[in-house]
Amino acid sequence: MIDIILHITDREGTQHDVVAPTDMNMNIMEVIRSYELAPEGTIGICGGMAMCASCQCYIESEQTLPEMSDDEDAMLAEAFNTKDNSRLGCQIYLTEEIHGLTITLAPEE
């Protein structure tokens, strides 16, 4: 088992350095929910199906992430507050390659 560190800035602007396991098939949205970094019911509303964009985040560091799926791309095309570095947290799974990833949660729609 290898744990990684993620640097997550919540919607109030507070940065949290969290430890996340890579052996549980978790994604970033689930880490945010488990650490309660967003109010209940405001993130992961669709359960991680790339259908709501409530887990949209801005990637602030240079780790190589998996390529965006067509579903994720389509959801972000309809979402508010998107930027060039927007991704859905539910579509980024925890792997050793993203150790040190820095993200900022997008504002609520």
Protein backbone atom coordinates (compact mmCIF):
# COMPACT_ATOMS: atom_id res chain seq x y z
CA MET A 1 0.00 0.00 0.00
CA ILE A 2 1.29 3.43 -0.94
CA ASP A 3 -0.24 6.64 0.33
CA ILE A 4 0.07 9.86 -1.62
CA ILE A 5 -0.26 13.50 -0.61
CA LEU A 6 -2.79 15.78 -2.31
CA HIS A 7 -2.90 19.56 -1.84
CA ILE A 8 -6.55 20.59 -2.02
CA THR A 9 -7.81 24.17 -1.71
CA ASP A 10 -11.44 24.22 -0.62
CA ARG A 11 -14.11 26.67 -1.78
CA GLU A 12 -13.29 29.05 1.08
CA GLY A 13 -9.65 29.27 -0.01
CA THR A 14 -8.12 27.07 2.73
CA GLN A 15 -5.45 24.62 1.57
CA HIS A 16 -5.49 21.11 3.01
CA ASP A 17 -2.63 18.63 2.65
CA VAL A 18 -4.31 15.23 2.77
CA VAL A 19 -2.99 11.69 2.78
CA ALA A 20 -4.81 9.39 0.39
CA PRO A 21 -4.42 5.64 -0.19
CA THR A 22 -3.78 4.30 -3.69
CA ASP A 23 -4.95 0.76 -2.91
CA MET A 24 -8.69 1.41 -2.53
CA ASN A 25 -9.61 2.47 -6.10
CA MET A 26 -10.69 5.90 -4.84
CA ASN A 27 -10.94 9.08 -6.86
CA ILE A 28 -10.34 12.70 -5.88
CA MET A 29 -14.05 13.38 -5.32
CA GLU A 30 -14.21 10.55 -2.78
CA VAL A 31 -11.15 11.90 -0.96
CA ILE A 32 -12.75 15.35 -0.75
CA ARG A 33 -15.92 13.80 0.65
CA SER A 34 -14.09 11.59 3.15
CA TYR A 35 -12.09 14.55 4.50
CA GLU A 36 -15.28 16.69 4.49
CA LEU A 37 -13.61 19.47 2.48
CA ALA A 38 -16.94 20.53 0.98
CA PRO A 39 -20.35 20.76 2.67
CA GLU A 40 -22.45 17.59 2.54
CA GLY A 41 -24.57 17.44 -0.61
CA THR A 42 -22.43 19.89 -2.59
CA ILE A 43 -19.90 17.54 -4.16
CA GLY A 44 -20.36 14.24 -5.93
CA ILE A 45 -24.09 14.68 -6.32
CA CYS A 46 -24.26 12.17 -9.18
CA GLY A 47 -22.17 9.64 -7.28
CA GLY A 48 -19.13 9.93 -9.53
CA MET A 49 -20.75 9.22 -12.89
CA ALA A 50 -19.46 12.40 -14.63
CA MET A 51 -23.03 13.67 -14.87
CA CYS A 52 -23.17 16.76 -12.63
CA ALA A 53 -19.81 18.61 -12.46
CA SER A 54 -20.27 19.24 -8.72
CA CYS A 55 -16.73 17.86 -8.21
CA GLN A 56 -15.13 20.15 -10.78
CA CYS A 57 -11.66 21.22 -9.75
CA TYR A 58 -8.81 23.20 -11.24
CA ILE A 59 -5.52 21.35 -11.67
CA GLU A 60 -2.78 23.64 -10.36
CA SER A 61 0.29 21.40 -10.74
CA GLU A 62 2.08 19.58 -13.53
CA GLN A 63 1.42 15.88 -12.87
CA THR A 64 0.43 13.87 -15.90
CA LEU A 65 -3.21 12.90 -15.53
CA PRO A 66 -5.19 10.29 -17.42
CA GLU A 67 -6.68 11.56 -20.64
CA MET A 68 -10.13 13.10 -20.32
CA SER A 69 -12.95 10.77 -21.37
CA ASP A 70 -15.66 11.85 -23.81
CA ASP A 71 -18.20 11.86 -20.94
CA GLU A 72 -16.02 14.12 -18.80
CA ASP A 73 -15.34 16.46 -21.72
CA ALA A 74 -19.07 16.69 -22.52
CA MET A 75 -19.97 17.42 -18.89
CA LEU A 76 -17.35 20.15 -18.58
CA ALA A 77 -18.62 21.70 -21.84
CA GLU A 78 -21.95 22.27 -20.08
CA ALA A 79 -20.59 23.25 -16.66
CA PHE A 80 -20.21 26.72 -15.18
CA ASN A 81 -16.93 28.28 -14.02
CA THR A 82 -14.76 26.10 -16.24
CA LYS A 83 -11.17 26.93 -17.07
CA ASP A 84 -8.56 25.37 -19.32
CA ASN A 85 -7.34 23.34 -16.34
CA SER A 86 -10.78 22.08 -15.24
CA ARG A 87 -11.28 18.39 -14.54
CA LEU A 88 -13.89 16.33 -12.72
CA GLY A 89 -12.51 14.94 -9.48
CA CYS A 90 -14.61 11.79 -9.87
CA GLN A 91 -12.68 10.91 -13.02
CA ILE A 92 -9.18 11.14 -11.53
CA TYR A 93 -8.26 8.01 -9.62
CA LEU A 94 -5.56 7.90 -6.98
CA THR A 95 -2.28 6.53 -8.31
CA GLU A 96 1.35 7.01 -7.38
CA GLU A 97 1.74 9.22 -10.48
CA ILE A 98 -0.44 11.99 -9.03
CA HIS A 99 1.46 12.24 -5.71
CA GLY A 100 1.74 15.93 -4.83
CA LEU A 101 -1.16 16.98 -7.08
CA THR A 102 -2.41 20.48 -6.27
CA ILE A 103 -6.05 21.27 -7.00
CA THR A 104 -8.59 23.97 -6.19
CA LEU A 105 -12.28 23.18 -5.94
CA ALA A 106 -14.37 25.14 -8.42
CA PRO A 107 -17.08 27.37 -6.93
CA GLU A 108 -20.56 25.92 -6.54
CA GLU A 109 -22.76 26.58 -9.55
